[in-house]
Amino acid sequence: MNLEHHNGDVVGDGRGRGGVSSLRDRLRQAIVTGEIPASAARTQAQLAEALGVSRTPLREALRMLELEHLIVREPNGRFRAAGLSVDEIEQLGVMRITLEAAAIRLTVPELTDGDHTVLEGLYATSLRLSKIGEWSEFETAHRRFHMLLTREAGAMHAEQLGRLWEQEARYRRAFEQLVNADGRDELSQQEHRLILDAVEARDADRSACLAAAHGARAVRAIGARLAPGTELHRLAVALDAEGVERSRDRE
């Protein structure tokens, strides 16, 4: 676990609230990208030495990540990145689907023709990047597409959605062989096109239903790999609450 040199930067001593937040973000990114694997347990002293920080801000950053369920504190005082589970990906999926659907319903009526042009550009960029396999840049465009569709829900809503997106990114990266789960395959691009068409038609309910179904498909693909045959009951309830099946029945 080489944390000292990330893109040529050293974290620093982490003093102050801003330093703690930066340290938390650095650790979160290392967990999301797999730089800190779930199998590697470390003491606070080991982490502090690797990061070049004191233990006080590190302790606070770890506590924050525990609340996000990204860090697990073991009985022996060591810490490790949380493992991947079908229960967690289902819960993450339910929360993101619910929050995103509400945000889309709030946002679609407020989008301008200029916003539609930006969305078309992001969709075209994502499509091009998916064809050439530039997945890092694809992820950026993909996220911007979804964030623009939810911007009118407010800053607190956006913060929660952003955090859920990052937590789900662990699963997308871990199961990147499941291209369906990362929005990269042809079917996912078709789903994005349908969402965008509904947005441009200013049909907020249909946009929200399509986005919910799109997100659920990724969760089901990952869940099937983690625990084949597991029934995702909570996901089904969330989709029913968003009217996804009723929307399909009307088509």
Foldseek 3Di string as FASTA:
>chain_A
DQLQADVHDALPAQPDPVSLVSVLVSVLVCLLLCVFPQVDWAALVVVCVNRVYDSPSVVVSLVVVVVVQQWDQDPVRIIGGHDDALVVLLVLLLVLLLLLLVLLLQQLVVDDPVLLVLLVVLLVVLLVCLVVVPVVVNLVSVVVNSCNSRVRVDDVSSVVNVSSVSVCSSLCNVVVVPVLLVCRDPVSSVLSVQLSVCSVVSPSLSNSLSVSVSSVVNSVVSSCVRPNPDDSVSSVVSSVVSVNVVVVVVD
